[in-house]
Amino acid sequence: MQESAYAKQTLPEWQKKHPNARVSRNNTGAAYQGKLSTFSKNGIAKKILKNIRLIFFGIGLAVKDKKTGRTKQKGGGDYIGWESMKICDLISKDKLTIPECMEVCEGCQLNIKVAVFLNLEIKSKNGEESPEQIKFRKMVISAGGISKILQEGEDDINNT
């Protein structure tokens, strides 16, 4: 199955298990930007871009493009967003991570929520992470965020 088809099938199921999470597609790439001009040549309307410049977009690691020498984004997950979580005093007292705290303190009296950065990578059955994806996922986790891979054929949906 292609990753896009797998994502359409998997994300709604994942979202049901994570009702406090919100994700959006993280398109990465490059495009030209400039001032759009319209003119007519031989009765045919044509459009051109003036003062064009190449722009890179998406969230990921800043990587220098070998062809242009410009910095672009690589390695960010297919979907990014946040998961809203309740903070409790067990985090500092018992040195629990936020997800561990959430499991322990369902009846916690401290009713403060935070939005924790969420990075989701969708992989087909034989898909593998690129070196940039591995590095970005590790950076997100080490900074206290959540980064998961939803791989076709694995039971990640219940474990993430």
C-alpha atoms as a PDB file:
ATOM      1  CA  MET A   1       0.000   0.000   0.000  1.00  0.00           C
ATOM      2  CA  GLN A   2       1.269   3.508  -0.742  1.00  0.00           C
ATOM      3  CA  GLU A   3       2.047   5.738   2.214  1.00  0.00           C
ATOM      4  CA  SER A   4      -0.698   8.228   1.301  1.00  0.00           C
ATOM      5  CA  ALA A   5      -3.347   5.467   1.201  1.00  0.00           C
ATOM      6  CA  TYR A   6      -2.014   4.026   4.461  1.00  0.00           C
ATOM      7  CA  ALA A   7      -2.147   7.487   6.072  1.00  0.00           C
ATOM      8  CA  LYS A   8      -5.790   7.972   5.030  1.00  0.00           C
ATOM      9  CA  GLN A   9      -6.628   4.596   6.589  1.00  0.00           C
ATOM     10  CA  THR A  10      -4.506   4.925   9.742  1.00  0.00           C
ATOM     11  CA  LEU A  11      -4.817   8.544  10.865  1.00  0.00           C
ATOM     12  CA  PRO A  12      -8.554   8.474  11.718  1.00  0.00           C
ATOM     13  CA  GLU A  13      -8.002   5.342  13.819  1.00  0.00           C
ATOM     14  CA  TRP A  14      -4.943   6.895  15.509  1.00  0.00           C
ATOM     15  CA  GLN A  15      -6.870  10.131  16.159  1.00  0.00           C
ATOM     16  CA  LYS A  16      -9.636   8.204  17.972  1.00  0.00           C
ATOM     17  CA  LYS A  17      -7.035   6.812  20.378  1.00  0.00           C
ATOM     18  CA  HIS A  18      -5.513  10.303  20.823  1.00  0.00           C
ATOM     19  CA  PRO A  19      -8.498  12.680  21.127  1.00  0.00           C
ATOM     20  CA  ASN A  20      -6.310  15.447  22.602  1.00  0.00           C
ATOM     21  CA  ALA A  21      -3.963  15.439  19.605  1.00  0.00           C
ATOM     22  CA  ARG A  22      -4.172  17.685  16.559  1.00  0.00           C
ATOM     23  CA  VAL A  23      -2.037  17.111  13.483  1.00  0.00           C
ATOM     24  CA  SER A  24      -1.693  18.746  10.087  1.00  0.00           C
ATOM     25  CA  ARG A  25       0.080  17.629   6.950  1.00  0.00           C
ATOM     26  CA  ASN A  26       3.689  18.837   6.890  1.00  0.00           C
ATOM     27  CA  ASN A  27       4.414  19.364   3.215  1.00  0.00           C
ATOM     28  CA  THR A  28       8.057  20.090   2.550  1.00  0.00           C
ATOM     29  CA  GLY A  29       9.615  21.211  -0.677  1.00  0.00           C
ATOM     30  CA  ALA A  30      10.528  24.209  -2.753  1.00  0.00           C
ATOM     31  CA  ALA A  31       8.636  26.636  -4.966  1.00  0.00           C
ATOM     32  CA  TYR A  32       9.197  29.855  -6.817  1.00  0.00           C
ATOM     33  CA  GLN A  33       7.680  33.050  -5.504  1.00  0.00           C
ATOM     34  CA  GLY A  34       7.387  36.406  -7.230  1.00  0.00           C
ATOM     35  CA  LYS A  35       5.029  38.979  -8.651  1.00  0.00           C
ATOM     36  CA  LEU A  36       2.501  37.490 -11.051  1.00  0.00           C
ATOM     37  CA  SER A  37       2.080  39.398 -14.299  1.00  0.00           C
ATOM     38  CA  THR A  38      -0.438  38.703 -17.024  1.00  0.00           C
ATOM     39  CA  PHE A  39       0.039  39.669 -20.641  1.00  0.00           C
ATOM     40  CA  SER A  40      -1.419  38.736 -23.974  1.00  0.00           C
ATOM     41  CA  LYS A  41       0.572  37.437 -26.915  1.00  0.00           C
ATOM     42  CA  ASN A  42      -1.182  36.631 -30.188  1.00  0.00           C
ATOM     43  CA  GLY A  43      -4.505  36.824 -28.390  1.00  0.00           C
ATOM     44  CA  ILE A  44      -3.445  34.218 -25.804  1.00  0.00           C
ATOM     45  CA  ALA A  45      -3.287  35.275 -22.150  1.00  0.00           C
ATOM     46  CA  LYS A  46      -0.016  34.301 -20.502  1.00  0.00           C
ATOM     47  CA  LYS A  47       1.220  34.608 -16.953  1.00  0.00           C
ATOM     48  CA  ILE A  48       4.792  35.021 -15.787  1.00  0.00           C
ATOM     49  CA  LEU A  49       6.516  35.537 -12.466  1.00  0.00           C
ATOM     50  CA  LYS A  50       8.734  38.593 -12.116  1.00  0.00           C
ATOM     51  CA  ASN A  51      11.438  39.016  -9.483  1.00  0.00           C
ATOM     52  CA  ILE A  52      11.342  35.292  -8.783  1.00  0.00           C
ATOM     53  CA  ARG A  53      13.062  33.689  -5.837  1.00  0.00           C
ATOM     54  CA  LEU A  54      13.211  30.110  -4.647  1.00  0.00           C
ATOM     55  CA  ILE A  55      11.651  29.416  -1.250  1.00  0.00           C
ATOM     56  CA  PHE A  56      11.753  26.243   0.833  1.00  0.00           C
ATOM     57  CA  PHE A  57       8.917  25.267   3.158  1.00  0.00           C
ATOM     58  CA  GLY A  58       8.039  22.681   5.797  1.00  0.00           C
ATOM     59  CA  ILE A  59       9.279  21.781   9.254  1.00  0.00           C
ATOM     60  CA  GLY A  60      12.401  19.679   9.663  1.00  0.00           C
ATOM     61  CA  LEU A  61      16.169  19.971   9.869  1.00  0.00           C
ATOM     62  CA  ALA A  62      17.898  22.855   8.137  1.00  0.00           C
ATOM     63  CA  VAL A  63      19.904  21.184   5.357  1.00  0.00           C
ATOM     64  CA  LYS A  64      21.941  23.004   2.730  1.00  0.00           C
ATOM     65  CA  ASP A  65      20.778  22.242  -0.825  1.00  0.00           C
ATOM     66  CA  LYS A  66      23.778  21.083  -2.875  1.00  0.00           C
ATOM     67  CA  LYS A  67      22.478  22.600  -6.135  1.00  0.00           C
ATOM     68  CA  THR A  68      21.423  26.041  -4.901  1.00  0.00           C
ATOM     69  CA  GLY A  69      23.458  26.382  -1.711  1.00  0.00           C
ATOM     70  CA  ARG A  70      20.300  27.483   0.082  1.00  0.00           C
ATOM     71  CA  THR A  71      18.934  26.014   3.274  1.00  0.00           C
ATOM     72  CA  LYS A  72      15.868  23.779   3.025  1.00  0.00           C
ATOM     73  CA  GLN A  73      13.918  21.644   5.485  1.00  0.00           C
ATOM     74  CA  LYS A  74      14.296  17.854   5.576  1.00  0.00           C
ATOM     75  CA  GLY A  75      13.396  15.085   7.981  1.00  0.00           C
ATOM     76  CA  GLY A  76      10.225  16.469   9.526  1.00  0.00           C
ATOM     77  CA  GLY A  77       7.356  14.026   9.968  1.00  0.00           C
ATOM     78  CA  ASP A  78       4.535  13.675   7.473  1.00  0.00           C
ATOM     79  CA  TYR A  79       2.191  15.126  10.100  1.00  0.00           C
ATOM     80  CA  ILE A  80       3.033  17.592  12.858  1.00  0.00           C
ATOM     81  CA  GLY A  81       1.012  19.179  15.607  1.00  0.00           C
ATOM     82  CA  TRP A  82       0.545  18.788  19.319  1.00  0.00           C
ATOM     83  CA  GLU A  83      -0.964  16.585  21.965  1.00  0.00           C
ATOM     84  CA  SER A  84      -2.618  18.360  24.885  1.00  0.00           C
ATOM     85  CA  MET A  85      -1.561  16.827  28.197  1.00  0.00           C
ATOM     86  CA  LYS A  86      -2.307  17.446  31.866  1.00  0.00           C
ATOM     87  CA  ILE A  87       0.647  18.388  34.075  1.00  0.00           C
ATOM     88  CA  CYS A  88       0.852  17.095  37.636  1.00  0.00           C
ATOM     89  CA  ASP A  89       3.259  17.281  40.518  1.00  0.00           C
ATOM     90  CA  LEU A  90       4.448  13.714  39.801  1.00  0.00           C
ATOM     91  CA  ILE A  91       6.596  15.029  36.968  1.00  0.00           C
ATOM     92  CA  SER A  92       9.036  16.829  39.253  1.00  0.00           C
ATOM     93  CA  LYS A  93       8.537  14.666  42.373  1.00  0.00           C
ATOM     94  CA  ASP A  94       9.019  11.265  40.757  1.00  0.00           C
ATOM     95  CA  LYS A  95      10.912  12.450  37.656  1.00  0.00           C
ATOM     96  CA  LEU A  96       8.327  10.892  35.366  1.00  0.00           C
ATOM     97  CA  THR A  97       8.031  11.864  31.742  1.00  0.00           C
ATOM     98  CA  ILE A  98       4.812  13.607  30.717  1.00  0.00           C
ATOM     99  CA  PRO A  99       3.309  10.463  29.077  1.00  0.00           C
ATOM    100  CA  GLU A 100       4.168   8.381  32.189  1.00  0.00           C
ATOM    101  CA  CYS A 101       2.630  11.029  34.400  1.00  0.00           C
ATOM    102  CA  MET A 102      -0.561  10.969  32.350  1.00  0.00           C
ATOM    103  CA  GLU A 103      -0.922   7.224  32.953  1.00  0.00           C
ATOM    104  CA  VAL A 104      -0.400   7.566  36.715  1.00  0.00           C
ATOM    105  CA  CYS A 105      -2.343  10.705  37.572  1.00  0.00           C
ATOM    106  CA  GLU A 106      -5.760  10.415  35.912  1.00  0.00           C
ATOM    107  CA  GLY A 107      -7.317  11.869  39.083  1.00  0.00           C
ATOM    108  CA  CYS A 108      -4.708  14.587  39.476  1.00  0.00           C
ATOM    109  CA  GLN A 109      -5.981  17.764  41.174  1.00  0.00           C
ATOM    110  CA  LEU A 110      -3.641  20.081  39.246  1.00  0.00           C
ATOM    111  CA  ASN A 111      -5.679  20.941  36.168  1.00  0.00           C
ATOM    112  CA  ILE A 112      -3.074  22.563  33.920  1.00  0.00           C
ATOM    113  CA  LYS A 113      -2.631  21.476  30.326  1.00  0.00           C
ATOM    114  CA  VAL A 114       0.249  21.987  27.931  1.00  0.00           C
ATOM    115  CA  ALA A 115       0.516  21.336  24.213  1.00  0.00           C
ATOM    116  CA  VAL A 116       3.416  18.968  23.541  1.00  0.00           C
ATOM    117  CA  PHE A 117       4.938  19.034  20.045  1.00  0.00           C
ATOM    118  CA  LEU A 118       3.949  15.945  18.046  1.00  0.00           C
ATOM    119  CA  ASN A 119       5.763  14.541  15.008  1.00  0.00           C
ATOM    120  CA  LEU A 120       4.208  11.582  13.128  1.00  0.00           C
ATOM    121  CA  GLU A 121       5.950   9.749  10.313  1.00  0.00           C
ATOM    122  CA  ILE A 122       3.893   7.444   8.094  1.00  0.00           C
ATOM    123  CA  LYS A 123       5.696   4.501   6.504  1.00  0.00           C
ATOM    124  CA  SER A 124       4.498   1.838   4.123  1.00  0.00           C
ATOM    125  CA  LYS A 125       5.271  -1.796   4.914  1.00  0.00           C
ATOM    126  CA  ASN A 126       8.788  -1.641   3.436  1.00  0.00           C
ATOM    127  CA  GLY A 127       9.409   2.064   4.035  1.00  0.00           C
ATOM    128  CA  GLU A 128      12.495   3.138   5.951  1.00  0.00           C
ATOM    129  CA  GLU A 129      13.394   6.390   7.659  1.00  0.00           C
ATOM    130  CA  SER A 130      15.955   8.627   6.009  1.00  0.00           C
ATOM    131  CA  PRO A 131      18.975   9.731   8.088  1.00  0.00           C
ATOM    132  CA  GLU A 132      17.379  13.204   8.374  1.00  0.00           C
ATOM    133  CA  GLN A 133      14.105  11.685   9.639  1.00  0.00           C
ATOM    134  CA  ILE A 134      15.940   9.653  12.277  1.00  0.00           C
ATOM    135  CA  LYS A 135      17.879  12.718  13.431  1.00  0.00           C
ATOM    136  CA  PHE A 136      14.760  14.921  13.539  1.00  0.00           C
ATOM    137  CA  ARG A 137      12.765  12.280  15.471  1.00  0.00           C
ATOM    138  CA  LYS A 138      15.572  11.965  18.043  1.00  0.00           C
ATOM    139  CA  MET A 139      15.796  15.756  18.396  1.00  0.00           C
ATOM    140  CA  VAL A 140      12.050  16.039  19.030  1.00  0.00           C
ATOM    141  CA  ILE A 141      12.164  13.314  21.694  1.00  0.00           C
ATOM    142  CA  SER A 142      15.252  14.735  23.403  1.00  0.00           C
ATOM    143  CA  ALA A 143      13.546  18.158  23.559  1.00  0.00           C
ATOM    144  CA  GLY A 144      10.523  16.647  25.330  1.00  0.00           C
ATOM    145  CA  GLY A 145       8.254  16.251  22.322  1.00  0.00           C
ATOM    146  CA  ILE A 146       6.525  13.180  20.954  1.00  0.00           C
ATOM    147  CA  SER A 147       7.730  11.551  17.747  1.00  0.00           C
ATOM    148  CA  LYS A 148       6.240   8.310  16.438  1.00  0.00           C
ATOM    149  CA  ILE A 149       6.357   6.181  13.330  1.00  0.00           C
ATOM    150  CA  LEU A 150       3.118   4.620  12.121  1.00  0.00           C
ATOM    151  CA  GLN A 151       4.324   1.712   9.996  1.00  0.00           C
ATOM    152  CA  GLU A 152       2.009  -0.435   7.930  1.00  0.00           C
ATOM    153  CA  GLY A 153       1.791  -3.965   9.311  1.00  0.00           C
ATOM    154  CA  GLU A 154       2.874  -3.020  12.830  1.00  0.00           C
ATOM    155  CA  ASP A 155       0.633  -2.409  15.819  1.00  0.00           C
ATOM    156  CA  ASP A 156       1.937   1.129  16.386  1.00  0.00           C
ATOM    157  CA  ILE A 157      -1.540   2.613  16.528  1.00  0.00           C
ATOM    158  CA  ASN A 158      -2.153   1.099  19.954  1.00  0.00           C
ATOM    159  CA  ASN A 159       1.332   1.911  21.251  1.00  0.00           C
ATOM    160  CA  THR A 160       1.690   5.554  20.312  1.00  0.00           C
END
